[in-house]
Protein backbone atom coordinates (compact mmCIF):
# COMPACT_ATOMS: atom_id res chain seq x y z
CA UNK A 1 -14.86 0.14 30.39
CA UNK A 2 -17.88 0.76 29.20
CA UNK A 3 -19.81 0.65 26.49
CA UNK A 4 -18.73 4.57 25.98
CA UNK A 5 -15.30 4.80 26.17
CA UNK A 6 -15.41 1.63 23.85
CA UNK A 7 -16.72 3.93 21.17
CA UNK A 8 -14.82 6.69 22.05
CA UNK A 9 -11.69 4.57 21.24
CA UNK A 10 -13.46 2.83 18.00
CA UNK A 11 -14.11 6.44 16.76
CA UNK A 12 -10.57 7.93 17.29
CA UNK A 13 -8.76 4.93 15.52
CA UNK A 14 -10.98 4.73 12.68
CA UNK A 15 -10.46 8.81 12.34
CA UNK A 16 -6.36 7.38 12.73
CA UNK A 17 -6.94 5.15 9.63
CA UNK A 18 -8.62 7.60 7.94
CA UNK A 19 -5.83 10.28 8.28
CA UNK A 20 -3.44 7.66 7.10
CA UNK A 21 -5.04 6.82 3.56
CA UNK A 22 -6.96 9.57 2.85
CA UNK A 23 -3.05 11.35 3.02
CA UNK A 24 -2.30 9.04 -0.12
CA UNK A 25 -4.78 9.09 -1.70
CA UNK A 26 -5.19 13.13 -2.39
CA UNK A 27 -2.70 13.20 -3.32
CA UNK A 28 -3.21 11.32 -6.43
CA UNK A 29 -5.79 13.50 -8.06
CA UNK A 30 -3.31 16.83 -7.15
CA UNK A 31 0.27 15.50 -8.34
CA UNK A 32 -0.10 17.55 -11.83
CA UNK A 33 -0.39 20.07 -9.75
CA UNK A 34 1.91 19.98 -7.68
CA UNK A 35 4.12 19.45 -10.33
CA UNK A 36 3.58 22.06 -11.66
CA UNK A 37 2.87 24.58 -8.90
CA UNK A 38 6.41 23.11 -7.86
CA UNK A 39 7.92 22.77 -11.58
CA UNK A 40 8.51 18.74 -10.62
CA UNK A 41 9.59 15.91 -14.24
CA UNK A 42 7.48 13.62 -14.30
CA UNK A 43 10.77 11.49 -12.71
CA UNK A 44 10.90 13.76 -9.51
CA UNK A 45 6.66 13.32 -8.82
CA UNK A 46 7.08 9.91 -8.06
CA UNK A 47 9.49 10.57 -5.41
CA UNK A 48 6.21 12.53 -3.51
CA UNK A 49 4.73 9.11 -3.25
CA UNK A 50 7.98 6.97 -2.91
CA UNK A 51 9.22 8.87 0.33
CA UNK A 52 6.32 8.10 2.06
CA UNK A 53 5.84 4.48 0.53
CA UNK A 54 9.10 4.10 1.18
CA UNK A 55 9.35 4.92 5.15
CA UNK A 56 6.11 3.46 5.67
CA UNK A 57 7.30 0.11 4.59
CA UNK A 58 10.10 0.21 5.84
CA UNK A 59 9.50 1.16 9.40
CA UNK A 60 6.83 -0.69 10.08
CA UNK A 61 7.32 -3.75 11.64
CA UNK A 62 10.03 -1.04 13.75
CA UNK A 63 6.99 1.08 14.86
CA UNK A 64 5.55 -2.33 15.76
CA UNK A 65 8.69 -3.61 18.04
CA UNK A 66 8.85 -0.04 19.49
CA UNK A 67 4.83 0.17 20.46
CA UNK A 68 5.97 -3.95 22.46
CA UNK A 69 8.94 -2.23 23.87
CA UNK A 70 7.49 1.81 24.81
CA UNK A 71 3.84 1.01 25.10
CA UNK A 72 1.29 1.57 22.28
CA UNK A 73 -0.20 4.41 23.35
CA UNK A 74 2.45 6.32 24.07
CA UNK A 75 3.97 4.78 20.66
CA UNK A 76 0.61 5.95 19.22
CA UNK A 77 0.47 9.74 20.50
CA UNK A 78 4.66 10.36 19.56
CA UNK A 79 3.80 8.77 16.40
CA UNK A 80 -0.18 11.06 15.40
CA UNK A 81 1.80 14.05 17.67
CA UNK A 82 4.90 13.34 14.53
CA UNK A 83 2.57 12.55 11.74
CA UNK A 84 0.51 15.77 12.47
CA UNK A 85 3.47 18.12 12.35
CA UNK A 86 5.19 16.52 9.16
CA UNK A 87 1.63 17.30 7.53
CA UNK A 88 1.93 21.36 8.60
CA UNK A 89 5.40 20.91 6.59
CA UNK A 90 4.69 19.43 3.85
CA UNK A 91 1.24 21.64 3.26
CA UNK A 92 3.77 24.61 4.04
CA UNK A 93 6.74 23.38 1.31
CA UNK A 94 7.82 25.96 -0.76
CA UNK A 95 10.53 23.56 -2.57
CA UNK A 96 10.99 19.78 -3.58
CA UNK A 97 13.61 18.90 -1.48
CA UNK A 98 11.56 20.27 1.47
CA UNK A 99 7.92 18.98 0.45
CA UNK A 100 10.47 14.92 0.48
CA UNK A 101 11.28 15.29 3.20
CA UNK A 102 7.98 16.25 4.67
CA UNK A 103 6.95 13.27 3.32
CA UNK A 104 9.70 11.27 4.65
CA UNK A 105 8.71 11.64 7.76
CA UNK A 106 4.96 11.22 6.92
CA UNK A 107 5.99 7.88 6.09
CA UNK A 108 7.73 7.10 9.63
CA UNK A 109 4.78 8.73 11.25
CA UNK A 110 2.52 5.92 9.55
CA UNK A 111 4.89 3.16 10.06
CA UNK A 112 4.61 3.99 14.26
CA UNK A 113 0.96 4.69 14.74
CA UNK A 114 -0.59 2.45 12.81
CA UNK A 115 0.20 -1.15 14.31
CA UNK A 116 -0.29 0.39 17.46
CA UNK A 117 -3.58 1.50 16.63
CA UNK A 118 -4.83 -2.36 15.94
CA UNK A 119 -3.07 -2.93 18.50
CA UNK A 120 -4.99 -0.68 21.00
CA UNK A 121 -8.22 -2.00 18.75
CA UNK A 122 -7.87 -5.71 19.78
CA UNK A 123 -6.52 -4.82 23.30
CA UNK A 124 -10.03 -2.65 23.98
CA UNK A 125 -12.16 -5.21 22.29
CA UNK A 126 -11.11 -8.59 23.17
CA UNK A 127 -14.08 -10.22 23.09
CA UNK A 128 -14.59 -11.98 19.77
CA UNK A 129 -17.78 -10.50 18.58
CA UNK A 130 -17.21 -7.42 19.00
CA UNK A 131 -13.51 -7.50 17.96
CA UNK A 132 -14.95 -8.45 15.00
CA UNK A 133 -17.86 -5.60 14.15
CA UNK A 134 -14.36 -2.96 15.58
CA UNK A 135 -12.68 -4.42 12.75
CA UNK A 136 -15.18 -4.71 10.33
CA UNK A 137 -15.55 -0.51 10.30
CA UNK A 138 -12.13 0.07 10.65
CA UNK A 139 -11.58 -2.11 7.13
CA UNK A 140 -14.58 -1.06 6.01
CA UNK A 141 -13.43 2.88 6.79
CA UNK A 142 -9.62 1.44 5.31
CA UNK A 143 -12.16 0.81 1.52
CA UNK A 144 -14.39 3.69 1.90
CA UNK A 145 -11.47 6.17 3.18
CA UNK A 146 -9.39 6.46 -0.60
CA UNK A 147 -12.31 6.96 -2.32
CA UNK A 148 -13.46 9.59 -0.99
CA UNK A 149 -9.59 11.20 -0.48
CA UNK A 150 -9.90 10.72 -4.78
CA UNK A 151 -12.79 13.56 -3.88
CA UNK A 152 -11.45 15.31 -1.04
CA UNK A 153 -8.23 15.69 -2.55
CA UNK A 154 -9.33 17.30 -6.40
CA UNK A 155 -12.29 19.19 -4.43
CA UNK A 156 -9.44 21.14 -2.57
CA UNK A 157 -6.84 21.28 -5.41
CA UNK A 158 -9.63 23.18 -7.70
CA UNK A 159 -10.89 25.12 -4.93
CA UNK A 160 -8.28 26.26 -2.33
CA UNK A 161 -4.59 24.37 -3.47
CA UNK A 162 -3.16 21.30 -2.83
CA UNK A 163 -1.99 22.26 0.29
CA UNK A 164 -5.20 22.48 1.52
CA UNK A 165 -5.43 18.10 1.72
CA UNK A 166 -2.01 17.93 3.50
CA UNK A 167 -3.07 20.99 6.12
CA UNK A 168 -6.35 18.60 6.41
CA UNK A 169 -4.51 16.30 8.84
CA UNK A 170 -3.32 18.58 11.41
CA UNK A 171 -6.45 19.59 13.16
CA UNK A 172 -7.66 15.54 13.24
CA UNK A 173 -4.20 15.44 14.38
CA UNK A 174 -4.63 17.76 17.49
CA UNK A 175 -8.13 16.09 18.57
CA UNK A 176 -6.30 12.34 18.96
CA UNK A 177 -3.69 13.97 20.65
CA UNK A 178 -5.83 15.17 23.20
CA UNK A 179 -7.50 12.75 23.36
CA UNK A 180 -5.49 9.45 24.00
CA UNK A 181 -4.79 10.19 27.18
CA UNK A 182 -8.05 10.39 28.32
CA UNK A 183 -9.16 6.94 26.73
CA UNK A 184 -7.10 5.22 25.41
CA UNK A 185 -5.16 2.57 28.18
CA UNK A 186 -1.67 2.20 27.91
CA UNK A 187 -0.47 -1.13 27.04
CA UNK A 188 2.07 -3.11 29.15
CA UNK A 189 6.25 -2.38 28.56
CA UNK A 190 8.22 -5.50 27.09
CA UNK A 191 11.67 -5.43 27.68
CA UNK A 192 14.00 -5.98 24.69
CA UNK A 193 15.60 -4.37 21.47
CA UNK A 194 14.56 -3.00 18.70
CA UNK A 195 16.48 -4.05 15.90
CA UNK A 196 17.43 -0.69 14.27
CA UNK A 197 20.53 -2.45 11.93
CA UNK A 198 17.66 -3.93 9.81
CA UNK A 199 15.45 -1.09 9.68
CA UNK A 200 17.76 0.75 8.51
CA UNK A 201 19.73 -1.38 5.99
CA UNK A 202 16.05 -2.82 4.30
CA UNK A 203 14.97 1.17 4.11
CA UNK A 204 18.41 2.37 2.28
CA UNK A 205 17.96 -1.40 0.30
CA UNK A 206 14.61 -0.24 -1.27
CA UNK A 207 15.25 3.55 -1.19
CA UNK A 208 18.38 3.00 -3.25
CA UNK A 209 16.98 0.63 -5.53
CA UNK A 210 13.56 3.22 -6.47
CA UNK A 211 16.12 5.92 -6.74
CA UNK A 212 18.57 3.87 -9.01
CA UNK A 213 15.12 2.79 -11.09
CA UNK A 214 14.30 7.26 -11.35
CA UNK A 215 17.77 8.18 -12.05
CA UNK A 216 17.37 6.08 -15.26
CA UNK A 217 14.58 7.74 -16.40
CA UNK A 218 16.17 10.73 -15.70
CA UNK A 219 20.02 10.82 -17.34
CA UNK A 220 20.32 7.51 -18.41
CA UNK A 221 21.19 3.62 -17.61
CA UNK A 222 24.47 4.45 -18.46
CA UNK A 223 25.25 7.60 -15.62
CA UNK A 224 26.91 5.99 -12.27
CA UNK A 225 23.92 7.76 -9.92
CA UNK A 226 21.82 4.72 -11.79
CA UNK A 227 23.80 2.10 -11.32
CA UNK A 228 25.79 2.76 -8.54
CA UNK A 229 22.00 3.66 -6.34
CA UNK A 230 20.99 -0.17 -7.60
CA UNK A 231 24.15 -2.10 -6.63
CA UNK A 232 24.50 -0.17 -2.93
CA UNK A 233 20.63 -1.66 -2.95
CA UNK A 234 21.62 -4.41 -3.42
CA UNK A 235 24.66 -4.55 -1.22
CA UNK A 236 21.89 -3.22 1.29
CA UNK A 237 19.02 -5.55 1.20
CA UNK A 238 21.92 -8.84 1.10
CA UNK A 239 22.72 -7.03 4.49
CA UNK A 240 19.47 -6.89 5.73
CA UNK A 241 18.94 -10.73 5.26
CA UNK A 242 22.33 -11.40 7.09
CA UNK A 243 21.68 -8.72 9.67
CA UNK A 244 18.22 -10.75 9.83
CA UNK A 245 19.44 -13.81 10.39
CA UNK A 246 21.48 -13.44 12.95
CA UNK A 247 19.95 -11.12 15.26
CA UNK A 248 18.47 -11.97 18.50
CA UNK A 249 14.81 -9.74 18.19
CA UNK A 250 14.83 -9.30 14.45
CA UNK A 251 12.30 -7.19 13.06
CA UNK A 252 11.53 -10.00 10.24
CA UNK A 253 11.72 -13.67 11.24
CA UNK A 254 13.38 -15.36 8.10
CA UNK A 255 11.31 -18.11 9.71
CA UNK A 256 7.99 -16.92 8.35
CA UNK A 257 9.59 -18.09 5.07
CA UNK A 258 9.46 -21.05 4.80
CA UNK A 259 5.57 -21.54 4.14
CA UNK A 260 5.61 -22.08 0.67
CA UNK A 261 2.32 -21.01 1.12
CA UNK A 262 3.25 -17.37 2.55
CA UNK A 263 6.63 -17.09 0.60
CA UNK A 264 4.36 -16.92 -2.55
CA UNK A 265 1.08 -14.57 -0.63
CA UNK A 266 4.34 -12.09 -0.21
CA UNK A 267 6.07 -12.36 -3.47
CA UNK A 268 2.22 -11.72 -5.35
CA UNK A 269 1.32 -9.06 -3.57
CA UNK A 270 4.51 -7.57 -4.27
CA UNK A 271 4.69 -8.12 -7.68
CA UNK A 272 0.89 -7.30 -7.80
CA UNK A 273 1.81 -3.77 -6.15
CA UNK A 274 4.82 -3.33 -8.79
CA UNK A 275 1.56 -3.80 -11.55
CA UNK A 276 -0.77 -1.94 -9.71
CA UNK A 277 0.10 0.85 -7.61
CA UNK A 278 1.52 2.92 -10.75
CA UNK A 279 -1.29 3.22 -12.78
CA UNK A 280 -2.56 5.58 -10.25
CA UNK A 281 -0.23 7.87 -10.75
CA UNK A 282 -0.94 8.07 -14.22
CA UNK A 283 -3.93 7.93 -15.35
CA UNK A 284 -4.56 11.64 -13.19
CA UNK A 285 -2.35 12.48 -15.00
CA UNK A 286 -3.62 11.20 -18.56
CA UNK A 287 -7.01 12.70 -17.29
CA UNK A 288 -5.68 15.32 -16.80
CA UNK A 289 -2.67 16.44 -18.91
CA UNK A 290 -4.39 14.93 -21.70
CA UNK A 291 -8.42 14.93 -21.57
CA UNK A 292 -8.64 18.44 -19.23
CA UNK A 293 -10.34 17.10 -16.73
CA UNK A 294 -10.36 19.47 -13.69
CA UNK A 295 -8.35 17.61 -10.42
CA UNK A 296 -12.26 16.99 -9.13
CA UNK A 297 -13.27 15.53 -12.49
CA UNK A 298 -10.30 13.37 -12.36
CA UNK A 299 -10.66 11.83 -8.83
CA UNK A 300 -13.98 10.96 -9.87
CA UNK A 301 -12.85 9.49 -13.01
CA UNK A 302 -11.10 7.02 -10.84
CA UNK A 303 -14.17 5.96 -9.35
CA UNK A 304 -15.31 3.61 -11.54
CA UNK A 305 -12.26 1.29 -9.95
CA UNK A 306 -12.54 2.01 -6.68
CA UNK A 307 -16.74 1.48 -6.12
CA UNK A 308 -16.89 -1.80 -8.07
CA UNK A 309 -13.91 -3.27 -5.45
CA UNK A 310 -15.76 -1.54 -1.85
CA UNK A 311 -18.37 -3.65 -3.92
CA UNK A 312 -16.60 -6.74 -4.00
CA UNK A 313 -16.07 -7.26 -0.07
CA UNK A 314 -20.13 -8.08 -0.48
CA UNK A 315 -19.20 -10.86 -2.27
CA UNK A 316 -16.02 -12.39 -1.12
CA UNK A 317 -17.00 -14.52 1.64
CA UNK A 318 -19.38 -16.38 -0.47
CA UNK A 319 -16.75 -16.83 -3.86
CA UNK A 320 -14.52 -17.56 -1.10
CA UNK A 321 -16.13 -20.06 0.73
CA UNK A 322 -17.36 -21.42 -2.14
CA UNK A 323 -14.15 -21.91 -4.16
CA UNK A 324 -11.23 -21.61 -1.67
CA UNK A 325 -9.03 -18.94 -1.44
CA UNK A 326 -6.36 -19.93 -4.03
CA UNK A 327 -8.94 -20.07 -6.94
CA UNK A 328 -10.07 -16.78 -6.21
CA UNK A 329 -7.28 -14.93 -6.17
CA UNK A 330 -6.49 -17.03 -9.65
CA UNK A 331 -9.51 -15.50 -11.51
CA UNK A 332 -8.79 -11.59 -10.25
CA UNK A 333 -5.43 -11.72 -11.76
CA UNK A 334 -6.97 -12.96 -14.68
CA UNK A 335 -10.03 -10.01 -14.34
CA UNK A 336 -7.00 -7.52 -13.63
CA UNK A 337 -5.23 -8.62 -16.14
CA UNK A 338 -7.94 -7.78 -19.39
CA UNK A 339 -8.99 -5.31 -17.74
CA UNK A 340 -5.26 -3.49 -17.17
CA UNK A 341 -4.57 -4.77 -20.99
CA UNK A 342 -8.04 -3.15 -22.30
CA UNK A 343 -6.77 -0.25 -20.02
CA UNK A 344 -3.11 0.15 -22.31
CA UNK A 345 -4.80 0.33 -25.40
CA UNK A 346 -5.48 4.77 -24.81
CA UNK A 347 -4.30 6.77 -27.06
CA UNK A 348 -5.14 10.53 -26.91
CA UNK A 349 -7.61 10.34 -29.18
CA UNK A 350 -9.66 8.59 -26.28
CA UNK A 351 -12.12 9.54 -24.00
CA UNK A 352 -13.30 8.91 -20.42
CA UNK A 353 -16.10 6.39 -21.55
CA UNK A 354 -16.54 3.99 -22.67
CA UNK A 355 -12.50 3.64 -23.47
CA UNK A 356 -11.19 3.96 -19.52
CA UNK A 357 -14.36 3.07 -17.89
CA UNK A 358 -15.14 0.02 -18.68
CA UNK A 359 -11.38 -1.00 -18.34
CA UNK A 360 -11.15 0.82 -14.74
CA UNK A 361 -14.66 -0.82 -13.77
CA UNK A 362 -12.94 -4.68 -15.05
CA UNK A 363 -9.97 -3.93 -12.83
CA UNK A 364 -11.78 -2.91 -9.71
CA UNK A 365 -13.77 -6.17 -10.15
CA UNK A 366 -10.49 -8.02 -10.18
CA UNK A 367 -8.72 -6.01 -7.24
CA UNK A 368 -11.88 -6.62 -4.98
CA UNK A 369 -10.74 -10.61 -5.52
CA UNK A 370 -7.59 -10.42 -4.59
CA UNK A 371 -6.00 -8.55 -1.27
CA UNK A 372 -8.02 -10.68 0.64
CA UNK A 373 -7.24 -13.75 0.03
CA UNK A 374 -3.23 -12.63 -0.39
CA UNK A 375 -3.61 -10.98 3.24
CA UNK A 376 -5.26 -14.41 4.08
CA UNK A 377 -2.78 -16.67 2.66
CA UNK A 378 0.04 -14.35 4.07
CA UNK A 379 -1.02 -14.95 7.57
CA UNK A 380 -2.00 -19.36 6.69
CA UNK A 381 0.04 -20.97 9.41
CA UNK A 382 1.33 -18.72 11.90
CA UNK A 383 2.85 -19.16 15.17
CA UNK A 384 0.76 -17.00 18.03
CA UNK A 385 4.54 -15.53 18.34
CA UNK A 386 5.04 -14.33 14.84
CA UNK A 387 1.45 -13.33 14.06
CA UNK A 388 2.72 -9.97 14.53
CA UNK A 389 6.12 -9.69 12.08
CA UNK A 390 3.11 -11.92 9.23
CA UNK A 391 0.89 -9.43 8.85
CA UNK A 392 4.04 -6.48 9.37
CA UNK A 393 5.68 -7.73 6.32
CA UNK A 394 2.06 -8.27 4.31
CA UNK A 395 2.38 -5.08 4.27
CA UNK A 396 5.77 -3.76 3.64
CA UNK A 397 4.96 -6.32 0.51
CA UNK A 398 2.12 -4.02 -0.49
CA UNK A 399 3.99 -0.90 0.53
CA UNK A 400 7.50 -2.22 -1.47
CA UNK A 401 5.82 -3.61 -4.17
CA UNK A 402 4.10 -0.01 -4.49
CA UNK A 403 7.49 1.95 -4.24
CA UNK A 404 9.58 -0.08 -7.17
CA UNK A 405 6.64 -0.46 -9.47
CA UNK A 406 6.42 3.05 -9.34
CA UNK A 407 10.14 3.59 -9.35
CA UNK A 408 10.46 0.84 -12.92
CA UNK A 409 7.29 2.74 -14.05
CA UNK A 410 8.50 5.87 -14.72
CA UNK A 411 11.72 4.16 -16.43
CA UNK A 412 9.04 3.12 -18.79
CA UNK A 413 7.45 6.07 -19.53
CA UNK A 414 10.51 8.36 -19.26
CA UNK A 415 11.95 5.53 -22.23
CA UNK A 416 9.23 5.68 -24.40
CA UNK A 417 8.69 9.87 -24.21
CA UNK A 418 12.28 10.82 -24.94
CA UNK A 419 12.28 10.57 -28.16
CA UNK A 420 9.10 11.79 -29.29
CA UNK A 421 8.43 16.18 -29.80
CA UNK A 422 6.67 16.18 -26.20
CA UNK A 423 3.09 16.90 -27.27
CA UNK A 424 -0.74 15.13 -25.28
CA UNK A 425 -0.10 12.39 -28.78
CA UNK A 426 3.66 11.39 -26.78
CA UNK A 427 2.62 11.66 -23.54
CA UNK A 428 -0.58 9.30 -23.52
CA UNK A 429 1.29 6.98 -25.57
CA UNK A 430 4.46 7.45 -23.12
CA UNK A 431 1.73 6.42 -20.02
CA UNK A 432 0.00 3.78 -22.29
CA UNK A 433 2.76 1.94 -23.11
CA UNK A 434 4.06 2.06 -18.63
CA UNK A 435 0.38 0.58 -18.61
CA UNK A 436 1.95 -2.31 -20.81
CA UNK A 437 4.90 -2.91 -18.06
CA UNK A 438 2.19 -3.58 -15.23
CA UNK A 439 -0.10 -5.95 -17.17
CA UNK A 440 4.24 -8.04 -17.08
CA UNK A 441 4.07 -7.07 -13.73
CA UNK A 442 0.48 -8.62 -12.83
CA UNK A 443 1.08 -11.83 -15.39
CA UNK A 444 4.64 -12.09 -13.00
CA UNK A 445 1.61 -12.52 -9.71
CA UNK A 446 -0.22 -14.96 -11.35
CA UNK A 447 2.16 -16.88 -12.48
CA UNK A 448 3.88 -17.15 -8.95
CA UNK A 449 0.04 -18.32 -8.04
CA UNK A 450 0.13 -20.89 -10.58
CA UNK A 451 3.65 -21.77 -9.32
CA UNK A 452 3.65 -22.00 -5.15
CA UNK A 453 0.10 -20.95 -3.85
CA UNK A 454 -2.09 -23.62 -6.41
CA UNK A 455 0.76 -26.69 -5.84
CA UNK A 456 1.10 -26.03 -1.71
CA UNK A 457 -3.56 -26.18 -2.40
CA UNK A 458 -3.40 -29.20 -4.33
CA UNK A 459 -1.26 -30.72 -1.49
CA UNK A 460 -3.37 -29.35 1.55
CA UNK A 461 -6.60 -30.41 0.06
CA UNK A 462 -5.26 -34.66 -1.09
CA UNK A 463 -4.21 -34.32 2.79
CA UNK A 464 -7.07 -33.97 3.64
CA UNK A 465 -8.93 -36.23 1.34
CA UNK A 466 -6.43 -38.90 2.37
CA UNK A 467 -7.19 -38.42 6.72
CA UNK A 468 -9.00 -41.36 7.59
CA UNK A 469 -12.43 -40.17 8.54
CA UNK A 470 -13.56 -40.94 12.43
CA UNK A 471 -16.27 -43.03 12.95
CA UNK A 472 -19.45 -42.39 14.50
CA UNK A 473 -20.91 -44.18 16.75
CA UNK A 474 -24.10 -44.94 14.59
CA UNK A 475 -21.10 -46.09 12.04
CA UNK A 476 -21.10 -49.94 10.68
C-alpha cells in the first residue's frame, strides 16, 4: 500500500473518531434547549445521553467480535451506515421516545464502528514508528474533538437548532461509506460465535440499574418501577457473569480480573466516571439556566477544563517516566477532588469568574493526569489473545461509569430540589449538592487506587529490586 492511500485511510479513521466524539460533546451544550423543545424534565433528559452511552458500552465488545468474524471493513461500513441513519433520525425526532430510540441506534452503531476503525488502523500502519504516529494523531483528535464539539454544538444550537448537530454526522458518514470500499482492505474472517447472551444480559442489567435510579428520582424509591428495575438489573448482571464463565468464546473473559492491578484499574475508572461525567451534564445547565449564558457561551465556558486537560498530554510522558503511573494517578485524583469540591460550592450568586473558572481549570489539570495511567494499568500484563478484550473493558468501564453515575446523580439532584419552590436558587442548590455527590465517587476512585493499585505497584517494585543483578564482564 502506497503512502497516499495510507494517508487517506488515516483521514477516514480520524474522521470516524471525530464524529463519534462530536456526537457526545455537541449535545452537552444542547441539553437545555432539547429539554425546552421536547418538554423534557431533567430526569428524562439524562436518557438523551444514557441511551447512547449504554448501547455503546454494552455492545462494544460484541462489535469487536463481529469485526473478527465478518471482516473489519464490512463491520466498519455497516456501523457507519447505521450511525448516519440514526443521526438523521435523531435530528428529525418529533418526540422524546423517538429521540431516545435514535440515540440507542447511534450507540449500537458506534460499538460496531470504533473497534473496527482501530483494527484497520493497526493493519494499515504495521510498522512500529508509523503506527505510533498514526495513533498519536488519532488520540489528539479524540482529545481536541470534545472541545471542538462543545463550541460547534453551542453555535449550531444558537444559530440554527440542536437538531443541526445531529445532521452534521450524515454527510461525513456518506463520504466515508463511498471511500471505504476503495481504500480500505478487508481483513481475514475468523471462525467463531457471537456471545449474544453475554452482550444482552450486560446491556439489560446496566440499563435496568440506570432506569431504576432515574425512576427513583422521578417517583420515589417506594415505586415498584424503581426498586423492581434495580432488582432486574442485579439479576441480569449475575446472569452475565454466569454466562461469561461458561461461554466458549466470551466477550469478557473473566480471567482478565485475576490481576489485582487490572481489576483495580477497571473499578477505579468506573468510579471516576461516575463522578466526573455527571458534572458535564449539570454545569451547562447551570450556565444557561442560572447564569443565563447562551448555548455557545456555555460551550466556551467549559473550555478551561478541556484546554487544560488537553495541555496535560504534553507533560504526562515525563511525569509518568519520573514518578510512575500509580503515583501520577494518585496525585491527579487528589487535584480532581480538590477542584470538584470547590466547584460544589456554587450557588445562584456565583459568577463564572472566579467561581467556576478556577475550579474547572484545577479539575482539567487533574483529569489530564488520570486517564492515561488508568488505561495503561488496565492493559498491564495482558496476554496477546486477550489484548482486544482488555482494551474493550477499559472502554466499557468508561461508558458504564458515565451512565451509572449520571443516573445516581440525577436521583441526588431531584431529591435536593423536590422540597423547594422552583427558582434559580433551588436549581443551583440542587446542582451544588449533585456535584458534591461527584466528589464522593472521586474519593471512592482514589480509595480504590490506594487499596488495590498502590500495594500491587509496591509489590512489583520490591520483586524487581530483589532480582539478582547479572554480573557484567567488568564486575569483580
